């Protein structure tokens, strides 16, 4: 029997699952870590926390297991990175906290290089782009920039600590904004803008490529015995797609977490306000992020000092109120809403409204943003099949019922909330045996209430009409 570890390096923690060769989960571990916010728009993490969380989550996953781990791979947050020096013994020395993908510090730098980037890629950069934030460090912390030997994203930092090899898969490299997405290589023209060369970045490989054997330190730290092959993984949205290959290519996969992401894989090249990348299993991946989604409910929960179960209980007893609208943009809006800096707001609230009404309207606001994205896919020619939902929000029966009613579509809810770990396991299995894992749908189906769907259709129209007054191009398709 072969055994595998699927590790998901998330934004707020790392989760590890232990699998047998048939995909059965034998163990689970999780270790969280904090975001560091020294000032507005700065979102950092300690890279030491990344490694410590991998070790602790692996230890929990293999606790009591006495078999031989065959291989591991990872799913990872994309676009977070750390500046590193390397000593004479090839040990990594982090020079900074990691700058996460949430960080928006570099608006000034983005404006400085926008035209240059556009001429090379046909796309504009922004304050959260990795290339802009690397330039920010070059300008504001030149001593760190000049001392840097390697800039490593989350996954390649872990690979280096496990194997001593600096590699990055194509899907993760594409999040670093200095990547040639057509030829799958680092783009030297983009690198020259920020005074870097390919020697400052990890070697590009494909998901499932062999990285190396896990070193003795990692084995000692985790208590694993024997040899473990480490295979290059992939960005978390691609991992989720590999874990949800139940039906057909044009299924819409909604991954719910800190940010909700709508993802479709298609063989044809299409244009639109999508993040478009080649999929390692063929064709193209298209996805759009609803930036304020999981974050807005967490913010609401914390401010009302209540847990998610209580929120569900209060919300489910409330009727749909067509006049109570929550615009969920607590951490900004995605580019699919145009260039506006939309913010959180509640409209139509009166003394008659309870906490439950606000909770329900907040869930509706996120669902409306998913419907907006859904409509963009339709308008751009996608023939959407089934709608699959994975991640933590699937635990909320109330939220999933609202989403089904708003989309007026059945939802296929993945049984587990650990799709990224399943995707990482699938890649580890491909690396070792040559084939991705196959999965059968074993979750539950939520069907829409047709009367609610009619009400939500009207409420969604009102929601979008009100957004017109918050700025021009509120829903421009580009």
Protein backbone atom coordinates (compact mmCIF):
# COMPACT_ATOMS: atom_id res chain seq x y z
CA UNK A 1 0.00 0.00 0.00
CA UNK A 2 1.24 3.47 -0.93
CA UNK A 3 0.53 6.46 1.31
CA UNK A 4 0.55 10.14 0.44
CA UNK A 5 0.45 13.54 2.14
CA UNK A 6 -1.58 16.37 0.60
CA UNK A 7 -0.59 19.70 2.15
CA UNK A 8 -2.50 22.96 1.65
CA UNK A 9 -0.51 26.12 2.48
CA UNK A 10 -3.39 28.54 2.96
CA UNK A 11 -3.67 32.22 3.77
CA UNK A 12 -4.54 31.73 7.43
CA UNK A 13 -3.16 28.25 8.12
CA UNK A 14 -1.84 24.98 6.77
CA UNK A 15 -3.81 21.76 6.56
CA UNK A 16 -2.43 18.29 5.88
CA UNK A 17 -4.31 15.09 5.02
CA UNK A 18 -2.86 11.57 5.01
CA UNK A 19 -4.22 9.40 2.17
CA UNK A 20 -3.92 5.79 1.16
CA UNK A 21 -3.46 5.00 -2.54
CA UNK A 22 -7.24 4.78 -3.03
CA UNK A 23 -7.86 8.31 -1.77
CA UNK A 24 -9.17 7.34 1.66
CA UNK A 25 -8.30 9.91 4.33
CA UNK A 26 -6.44 8.30 7.23
CA UNK A 27 -5.39 11.37 9.19
CA UNK A 28 -5.80 15.14 9.36
CA UNK A 29 -3.86 18.03 10.85
CA UNK A 30 -4.16 21.81 10.91
CA UNK A 31 -2.05 24.67 12.24
CA UNK A 32 -3.08 28.30 11.89
CA UNK A 33 -0.96 31.44 11.68
CA UNK A 34 -1.60 35.15 11.88
CA UNK A 35 -1.49 37.96 9.40
CA UNK A 36 0.83 40.79 10.45
CA UNK A 37 -0.59 44.24 9.69
CA UNK A 38 1.98 46.90 10.69
CA UNK A 39 0.01 49.64 8.92
CA UNK A 40 -2.85 50.15 6.49
CA UNK A 41 -2.68 48.03 3.34
CA UNK A 42 0.26 45.99 4.70
CA UNK A 43 -0.49 42.27 5.11
CA UNK A 44 2.50 40.15 6.03
CA UNK A 45 3.31 36.73 7.47
CA UNK A 46 6.31 35.14 9.11
CA UNK A 47 7.84 32.57 6.72
CA UNK A 48 8.91 30.64 9.81
CA UNK A 49 5.20 30.19 10.55
CA UNK A 50 4.77 28.55 7.15
CA UNK A 51 7.33 25.86 7.89
CA UNK A 52 6.23 25.39 11.51
CA UNK A 53 2.62 24.96 10.36
CA UNK A 54 3.64 22.35 7.79
CA UNK A 55 5.53 20.41 10.47
CA UNK A 56 2.76 20.61 13.06
CA UNK A 57 -0.04 19.75 10.63
CA UNK A 58 1.94 16.77 9.27
CA UNK A 59 2.65 15.53 12.80
CA UNK A 60 -1.05 15.63 13.61
CA UNK A 61 -1.99 13.92 10.34
CA UNK A 62 0.43 11.00 10.85
CA UNK A 63 -0.09 10.64 14.60
CA UNK A 64 -0.45 6.91 15.34
CA UNK A 65 0.34 5.93 11.74
CA UNK A 66 3.16 3.40 11.36
CA UNK A 67 3.19 2.94 7.57
CA UNK A 68 5.67 4.35 5.04
CA UNK A 69 4.81 7.71 3.45
CA UNK A 70 5.49 7.39 -0.26
CA UNK A 71 5.21 10.97 -1.46
CA UNK A 72 3.86 14.44 -0.75
CA UNK A 73 2.85 17.50 -2.69
CA UNK A 74 1.37 20.88 -1.83
CA UNK A 75 -1.36 23.28 -2.76
CA UNK A 76 -0.49 26.87 -2.00
CA UNK A 77 -1.75 30.42 -1.73
CA UNK A 78 -0.48 32.38 -4.73
CA UNK A 79 1.36 35.68 -4.97
CA UNK A 80 2.81 35.75 -1.44
CA UNK A 81 6.60 35.87 -1.31
CA UNK A 82 9.64 36.45 0.88
CA UNK A 83 13.06 38.02 0.21
CA UNK A 84 15.87 35.62 1.17
CA UNK A 85 19.63 35.51 1.43
CA UNK A 86 21.50 32.20 1.17
CA UNK A 87 24.55 31.45 3.35
CA UNK A 88 27.66 29.47 2.41
CA UNK A 89 25.95 26.23 3.43
CA UNK A 90 22.97 27.01 1.18
CA UNK A 91 20.72 27.72 4.16
CA UNK A 92 17.91 30.20 3.57
CA UNK A 93 17.98 33.41 5.58
CA UNK A 94 14.65 35.30 5.37
CA UNK A 95 15.35 39.04 5.20
CA UNK A 96 11.76 40.19 5.66
CA UNK A 97 8.37 39.00 6.65
CA UNK A 98 6.59 37.48 3.69
CA UNK A 99 4.48 39.97 1.75
CA UNK A 100 1.13 38.29 1.14
CA UNK A 101 -1.16 38.44 -1.86
CA UNK A 102 -3.58 40.53 0.25
CA UNK A 103 -1.03 43.35 0.61
CA UNK A 104 -1.87 46.53 -1.33
CA UNK A 105 1.03 48.79 -0.39
CA UNK A 106 2.35 49.49 -3.87
CA UNK A 107 -0.20 51.69 -5.66
CA UNK A 108 2.40 54.39 -6.32
CA UNK A 109 4.86 51.86 -7.73
CA UNK A 110 2.13 50.29 -9.86
CA UNK A 111 1.37 53.64 -11.46
CA UNK A 112 5.08 54.14 -12.17
CA UNK A 113 5.42 50.93 -14.18
CA UNK A 114 1.92 50.50 -15.55
CA UNK A 115 2.67 51.60 -19.10
CA UNK A 116 5.82 49.49 -19.32
CA UNK A 117 3.99 46.40 -18.07
CA UNK A 118 1.07 47.03 -20.41
CA UNK A 119 3.34 47.23 -23.45
CA UNK A 120 4.80 43.83 -22.58
CA UNK A 121 1.72 41.95 -21.38
CA UNK A 122 -1.34 43.89 -22.51
CA UNK A 123 -2.43 44.02 -18.86
CA UNK A 124 -2.14 46.71 -16.21
CA UNK A 125 -0.59 46.15 -12.82
CA UNK A 126 -1.95 47.38 -9.47
CA UNK A 127 -0.95 47.92 -5.86
CA UNK A 128 -1.42 44.26 -4.92
CA UNK A 129 0.61 42.90 -7.85
CA UNK A 130 3.80 41.08 -6.92
CA UNK A 131 5.86 43.07 -9.44
CA UNK A 132 4.70 46.37 -7.88
CA UNK A 133 5.47 45.18 -4.35
CA UNK A 134 8.92 43.96 -5.34
CA UNK A 135 9.58 47.44 -6.73
CA UNK A 136 8.29 48.89 -3.44
CA UNK A 137 10.96 46.95 -1.53
CA UNK A 138 13.60 48.04 -4.01
CA UNK A 139 12.68 51.71 -3.44
CA UNK A 140 11.94 51.71 0.30
CA UNK A 141 14.24 48.97 1.63
CA UNK A 142 17.19 48.99 -0.80
CA UNK A 143 19.56 47.31 1.67
CA UNK A 144 17.25 44.28 1.79
CA UNK A 145 16.76 44.27 -1.96
CA UNK A 146 20.51 44.39 -2.60
CA UNK A 147 21.16 41.57 -0.14
CA UNK A 148 18.50 39.32 -1.68
CA UNK A 149 19.64 36.16 -3.44
CA UNK A 150 16.21 34.57 -3.90
CA UNK A 151 12.62 35.76 -3.89
CA UNK A 152 10.51 32.71 -3.07
CA UNK A 153 6.76 32.27 -2.98
CA UNK A 154 5.09 30.14 -0.32
CA UNK A 155 5.39 26.78 -2.07
CA UNK A 156 8.99 27.19 -3.28
CA UNK A 157 10.07 28.38 0.17
CA UNK A 158 8.73 25.12 1.62
CA UNK A 159 10.29 23.02 -1.15
CA UNK A 160 13.65 24.59 -0.42
CA UNK A 161 13.40 23.84 3.31
CA UNK A 162 12.34 20.25 2.58
CA UNK A 163 14.78 19.42 -0.22
CA UNK A 164 17.33 22.21 -0.67
CA UNK A 165 16.01 22.85 -4.20
CA UNK A 166 14.36 26.11 -5.31
CA UNK A 167 11.60 25.20 -7.76
CA UNK A 168 8.17 26.61 -8.53
CA UNK A 169 5.39 25.13 -10.63
CA UNK A 170 3.91 27.05 -13.55
CA UNK A 171 0.57 27.81 -11.87
CA UNK A 172 2.27 29.33 -8.81
CA UNK A 173 4.83 31.16 -10.96
CA UNK A 174 1.99 32.77 -12.90
CA UNK A 175 0.92 34.56 -9.71
CA UNK A 176 4.25 36.40 -9.45
CA UNK A 177 3.49 38.83 -12.32
CA UNK A 178 6.88 38.35 -14.01
CA UNK A 179 5.88 35.19 -15.88
CA UNK A 180 5.41 34.53 -19.59
CA UNK A 181 2.05 32.74 -19.52
CA UNK A 182 2.30 31.67 -23.15
CA UNK A 183 5.75 30.08 -23.06
CA UNK A 184 5.70 29.17 -19.33
CA UNK A 185 9.03 30.83 -18.51
CA UNK A 186 10.13 33.87 -16.52
CA UNK A 187 9.72 37.03 -18.58
CA UNK A 188 13.09 38.79 -18.82
CA UNK A 189 11.52 42.06 -20.03
CA UNK A 190 9.35 42.23 -16.91
CA UNK A 191 12.25 41.24 -14.67
CA UNK A 192 14.38 44.05 -16.08
CA UNK A 193 11.78 46.60 -14.93
CA UNK A 194 12.50 45.64 -11.30
CA UNK A 195 16.23 44.93 -11.73
CA UNK A 196 15.99 41.15 -11.26
CA UNK A 197 17.19 38.17 -13.26
CA UNK A 198 16.03 34.57 -13.41
CA UNK A 199 18.79 33.69 -10.92
CA UNK A 200 16.76 35.54 -8.26
CA UNK A 201 13.78 33.23 -8.70
CA UNK A 202 13.06 29.53 -8.41
CA UNK A 203 13.43 27.16 -11.35
CA UNK A 204 10.14 26.65 -13.18
CA UNK A 205 8.75 23.10 -13.30
CA UNK A 206 5.40 21.45 -13.96
CA UNK A 207 2.98 20.12 -11.35
CA UNK A 208 3.98 16.54 -10.54
CA UNK A 209 7.67 17.00 -11.36
CA UNK A 210 10.08 15.48 -8.86
CA UNK A 211 11.61 18.09 -6.55
CA UNK A 212 13.75 15.87 -4.34
CA UNK A 213 13.77 13.63 -1.29
CA UNK A 214 12.56 15.14 1.98
CA UNK A 215 15.64 15.89 4.09
CA UNK A 216 16.53 14.48 7.48
CA UNK A 217 15.53 17.67 9.33
CA UNK A 218 11.98 17.52 8.03
CA UNK A 219 11.74 13.81 8.75
CA UNK A 220 13.04 14.34 12.28
CA UNK A 221 10.78 17.35 12.87
CA UNK A 222 7.68 15.40 11.79
CA UNK A 223 8.65 11.95 13.07
CA UNK A 224 8.28 10.38 9.62
CA UNK A 225 10.52 7.39 8.94
CA UNK A 226 12.04 6.30 5.63
CA UNK A 227 12.23 8.19 2.34
CA UNK A 228 9.55 10.59 1.12
CA UNK A 229 9.45 11.87 -2.46
CA UNK A 230 8.49 15.53 -2.81
CA UNK A 231 6.65 16.51 -5.99
CA UNK A 232 5.91 20.02 -7.23
CA UNK A 233 2.32 21.00 -6.47
CA UNK A 234 0.23 23.86 -7.75
CA UNK A 235 -1.74 27.00 -6.89
CA UNK A 236 -4.70 26.32 -4.63
CA UNK A 237 -7.42 27.07 -7.20
CA UNK A 238 -5.90 24.58 -9.62
CA UNK A 239 -5.64 22.08 -6.78
CA UNK A 240 -9.33 22.53 -6.02
CA UNK A 241 -10.16 21.94 -9.68
CA UNK A 242 -8.28 18.62 -9.69
CA UNK A 243 -10.18 17.55 -6.58
CA UNK A 244 -13.59 18.27 -8.14
CA UNK A 245 -13.39 16.54 -11.53
CA UNK A 246 -16.72 14.78 -11.02
CA UNK A 247 -18.70 15.72 -14.10
CA UNK A 248 -17.47 17.71 -17.11
CA UNK A 249 -14.97 20.32 -18.21
CA UNK A 250 -17.30 23.33 -18.10
CA UNK A 251 -18.44 22.93 -14.52
CA UNK A 252 -18.18 26.07 -12.40
CA UNK A 253 -16.22 25.37 -9.22
CA UNK A 254 -16.75 27.87 -6.41
CA UNK A 255 -14.03 27.60 -3.78
CA UNK A 256 -15.13 29.27 -0.55
CA UNK A 257 -12.56 30.50 1.92
CA UNK A 258 -11.04 33.85 2.84
CA UNK A 259 -11.91 34.82 -0.72
CA UNK A 260 -14.47 33.01 -2.85
CA UNK A 261 -13.16 32.11 -6.29
CA UNK A 262 -15.23 31.01 -9.30
CA UNK A 263 -13.20 28.70 -11.56
CA UNK A 264 -13.90 27.11 -14.94
CA UNK A 265 -11.63 24.95 -17.04
CA UNK A 266 -12.13 25.09 -20.81
CA UNK A 267 -10.20 23.84 -23.83
CA UNK A 268 -10.70 27.09 -25.77
CA UNK A 269 -9.00 30.45 -25.30
CA UNK A 270 -11.47 33.19 -24.39
CA UNK A 271 -11.17 36.85 -23.42
CA UNK A 272 -12.70 38.69 -20.50
CA UNK A 273 -12.03 40.02 -17.01
CA UNK A 274 -10.65 36.64 -15.98
CA UNK A 275 -7.41 35.43 -14.56
CA UNK A 276 -6.43 33.13 -17.45
CA UNK A 277 -3.72 30.50 -17.16
CA UNK A 278 -2.83 27.20 -18.78
CA UNK A 279 -4.07 24.24 -16.78
CA UNK A 280 -1.44 21.54 -16.05
CA UNK A 281 -3.97 18.86 -17.01
CA UNK A 282 -4.75 20.51 -20.36
CA UNK A 283 -6.75 23.48 -21.63
CA UNK A 284 -7.10 26.80 -19.85
CA UNK A 285 -8.19 27.83 -16.39
CA UNK A 286 -10.39 30.89 -15.96
CA UNK A 287 -11.17 32.34 -12.59
CA UNK A 288 -12.48 35.47 -10.92
CA UNK A 289 -12.15 36.29 -7.23
CA UNK A 290 -14.92 37.83 -5.17
CA UNK A 291 -12.46 39.62 -2.90
CA UNK A 292 -14.84 40.36 -0.03
CA UNK A 293 -16.66 37.12 0.63
CA UNK A 294 -15.46 34.90 3.46
CA UNK A 295 -13.83 37.96 5.02
CA UNK A 296 -17.08 39.91 5.30
CA UNK A 297 -18.86 37.15 7.20
CA UNK A 298 -15.87 36.69 9.49
CA UNK A 299 -15.78 40.46 10.13
CA UNK A 300 -19.51 40.45 10.85
CA UNK A 301 -19.17 37.45 13.17
CA UNK A 302 -16.36 39.11 15.12
CA UNK A 303 -18.14 42.44 15.42
CA UNK A 304 -21.33 40.82 16.72
CA UNK A 305 -19.29 38.52 18.99
CA UNK A 306 -21.11 35.44 17.71
CA UNK A 307 -20.11 32.15 16.10
CA UNK A 308 -21.07 30.87 12.66
CA UNK A 309 -23.57 28.33 13.98
CA UNK A 310 -25.48 31.04 15.85
CA UNK A 311 -25.40 33.26 12.76
CA UNK A 312 -26.99 30.47 10.74
CA UNK A 313 -29.68 29.89 13.35
CA UNK A 314 -30.64 33.56 13.46
CA UNK A 315 -30.51 34.06 9.69
CA UNK A 316 -32.57 31.02 8.75
CA UNK A 317 -35.59 32.32 10.67
CA UNK A 318 -35.65 35.60 8.72
CA UNK A 319 -37.67 36.25 5.58
CA UNK A 320 -36.10 37.75 2.47
CA UNK A 321 -36.27 41.53 2.75
CA UNK A 322 -36.05 43.13 -0.71
CA UNK A 323 -35.15 46.52 0.80
CA UNK A 324 -32.30 45.43 3.07
CA UNK A 325 -29.07 45.32 1.07
CA UNK A 326 -25.57 44.61 2.31
CA UNK A 327 -22.72 45.51 -0.03
CA UNK A 328 -20.01 43.12 1.19
CA UNK A 329 -16.87 44.95 0.02
CA UNK A 330 -15.16 44.96 3.42
CA UNK A 331 -11.75 44.39 1.82
CA UNK A 332 -12.42 46.00 -1.54
CA UNK A 333 -13.85 44.79 -4.83
CA UNK A 334 -12.52 42.59 -7.60
CA UNK A 335 -11.58 44.03 -10.97
CA UNK A 336 -14.74 42.54 -12.51
CA UNK A 337 -16.54 45.45 -10.79
CA UNK A 338 -14.44 47.99 -12.67
CA UNK A 339 -11.81 50.27 -11.17
CA UNK A 340 -13.96 51.53 -8.31
CA UNK A 341 -12.83 51.27 -4.73
CA UNK A 342 -16.14 49.95 -3.44
CA UNK A 343 -16.62 49.71 0.32
CA UNK A 344 -18.87 47.88 2.75
CA UNK A 345 -22.29 49.41 3.39
CA UNK A 346 -25.76 48.50 4.63
CA UNK A 347 -28.74 50.09 2.92
CA UNK A 348 -32.39 50.04 3.87
CA UNK A 349 -31.89 49.10 7.52
CA UNK A 350 -34.54 50.21 10.02
CA UNK A 351 -35.40 49.59 13.68
CA UNK A 352 -37.44 46.56 12.67
CA UNK A 353 -34.37 44.68 11.44
CA UNK A 354 -32.69 42.15 13.70
CA UNK A 355 -29.17 40.77 13.76
CA UNK A 356 -30.47 37.78 11.84
CA UNK A 357 -31.72 40.07 9.06
CA UNK A 358 -28.25 41.62 8.73
CA UNK A 359 -26.57 38.21 8.70
CA UNK A 360 -28.94 36.96 6.00
CA UNK A 361 -28.47 40.10 3.88
CA UNK A 362 -24.68 39.75 4.22
CA UNK A 363 -24.86 36.19 2.88
CA UNK A 364 -27.09 37.47 0.08
CA UNK A 365 -24.56 40.19 -0.79
CA UNK A 366 -21.81 37.62 -1.30
CA UNK A 367 -24.19 35.44 -3.32
CA UNK A 368 -25.03 38.45 -5.52
CA UNK A 369 -21.34 38.94 -6.25
CA UNK A 370 -21.09 35.29 -7.29
CA UNK A 371 -24.12 35.79 -9.54
CA UNK A 372 -22.41 38.80 -11.10
CA UNK A 373 -19.39 36.63 -11.85
CA UNK A 374 -21.63 33.79 -13.07
CA UNK A 375 -23.29 36.19 -15.53
CA UNK A 376 -19.90 37.37 -16.79
CA UNK A 377 -18.97 33.79 -17.65
CA UNK A 378 -22.27 33.39 -19.53
CA UNK A 379 -21.83 36.70 -21.39
CA UNK A 380 -18.35 35.65 -22.48
CA UNK A 381 -19.63 32.48 -24.08
CA UNK A 382 -19.11 29.83 -21.43
CA UNK A 383 -21.63 27.01 -21.46
CA UNK A 384 -21.72 26.42 -17.70
CA UNK A 385 -22.50 22.89 -16.63
CA UNK A 386 -22.90 21.97 -12.98
CA UNK A 387 -22.08 24.31 -10.11
CA UNK A 388 -19.79 22.67 -7.56
CA UNK A 389 -19.10 24.37 -4.24
CA UNK A 390 -16.21 23.42 -1.99
CA UNK A 391 -14.66 24.88 1.14
CA UNK A 392 -15.74 26.05 4.56
CA UNK A 393 -18.94 27.86 3.55
CA UNK A 394 -20.51 24.55 2.50
CA UNK A 395 -21.02 23.89 6.22
CA UNK A 396 -23.65 26.65 6.26
CA UNK A 397 -26.97 25.23 5.09
CA UNK A 398 -28.46 28.73 5.14
CA UNK A 399 -25.76 30.30 2.96
CA UNK A 400 -25.82 27.45 0.45
CA UNK A 401 -29.62 27.65 0.17
CA UNK A 402 -29.33 31.39 -0.49
CA UNK A 403 -26.63 30.85 -3.13
CA UNK A 404 -28.70 28.17 -4.87
CA UNK A 405 -31.76 30.46 -4.87
CA UNK A 406 -29.79 33.47 -6.14
CA UNK A 407 -28.19 31.49 -8.99
CA UNK A 408 -31.40 29.51 -9.52
CA UNK A 409 -29.18 26.47 -9.99
CA UNK A 410 -28.65 23.23 -8.07
CA UNK A 411 -25.42 23.23 -6.10
CA UNK A 412 -23.23 20.15 -5.76
CA UNK A 413 -21.63 20.54 -2.35
CA UNK A 414 -18.35 18.70 -1.97
CA UNK A 415 -18.52 16.41 1.06
CA UNK A 416 -15.24 17.68 2.43
CA UNK A 417 -13.95 21.19 2.92
CA UNK A 418 -10.41 20.12 2.08
CA UNK A 419 -10.44 20.13 -1.71
CA UNK A 420 -7.00 21.72 -1.97
CA UNK A 421 -5.47 18.86 0.06
CA UNK A 422 -7.21 16.37 -2.23
CA UNK A 423 -5.75 18.20 -5.23
CA UNK A 424 -2.27 18.10 -3.70
CA UNK A 425 -2.68 14.36 -3.09
CA UNK A 426 -3.76 13.95 -6.73
CA UNK A 427 -0.55 15.67 -7.90
CA UNK A 428 1.62 13.57 -5.55
CA UNK A 429 0.01 10.44 -6.97
CA UNK A 430 0.63 11.66 -10.52
CA UNK A 431 4.25 12.36 -9.67
CA UNK A 432 4.77 8.88 -8.28
CA UNK A 433 2.54 6.76 -10.52
CA UNK A 434 1.98 8.90 -13.62
CA UNK A 435 -1.75 9.54 -13.22
CA UNK A 436 -3.90 12.03 -11.34
CA UNK A 437 -6.30 10.59 -8.79
CA UNK A 438 -9.95 10.10 -9.76
CA UNK A 439 -12.77 11.15 -7.48
CA UNK A 440 -16.48 10.34 -7.37
CA UNK A 441 -19.01 12.87 -6.15
CA UNK A 442 -20.22 11.83 -2.71
CA UNK A 443 -21.55 15.10 -1.33
CA UNK A 444 -25.06 16.52 -1.26
CA UNK A 445 -27.16 18.54 -3.68
CA UNK A 446 -28.99 21.74 -2.78
CA UNK A 447 -31.82 22.69 -5.13
CA UNK A 448 -33.28 26.18 -5.51
CA UNK A 449 -36.63 27.29 -4.14
CA UNK A 450 -38.36 28.73 -7.21
CA UNK A 451 -40.36 31.33 -5.28
CA UNK A 452 -37.22 32.56 -3.51
CA UNK A 453 -35.37 32.59 -6.85
CA UNK A 454 -37.98 35.01 -8.28
CA UNK A 455 -37.62 37.34 -5.29
CA UNK A 456 -33.83 37.24 -5.48
CA UNK A 457 -33.89 38.00 -9.19
CA UNK A 458 -35.66 41.29 -8.40
CA UNK A 459 -33.43 41.99 -5.40
CA UNK A 460 -30.28 41.36 -7.46
CA UNK A 461 -31.47 43.88 -10.07
CA UNK A 462 -32.02 46.46 -7.32
CA UNK A 463 -28.62 45.63 -5.79
CA UNK A 464 -26.86 46.32 -9.08
CA UNK A 465 -28.88 49.43 -9.84
CA UNK A 466 -27.85 50.93 -6.51
CA UNK A 467 -24.20 50.19 -7.31
CA UNK A 468 -24.45 52.56 -10.26
CA UNK A 469 -24.54 55.42 -7.79
CA UNK A 470 -21.33 54.25 -6.14
CA UNK A 471 -19.26 54.98 -9.22
CA UNK A 472 -19.08 54.54 -12.97
CA UNK A 473 -18.16 51.22 -14.57
CA UNK A 474 -19.51 49.32 -11.58
CA UNK A 475 -19.84 46.16 -13.64
CA UNK A 476 -17.93 46.87 -16.85
CA UNK A 477 -16.82 43.80 -18.75
CA UNK A 478 -13.31 44.14 -20.10
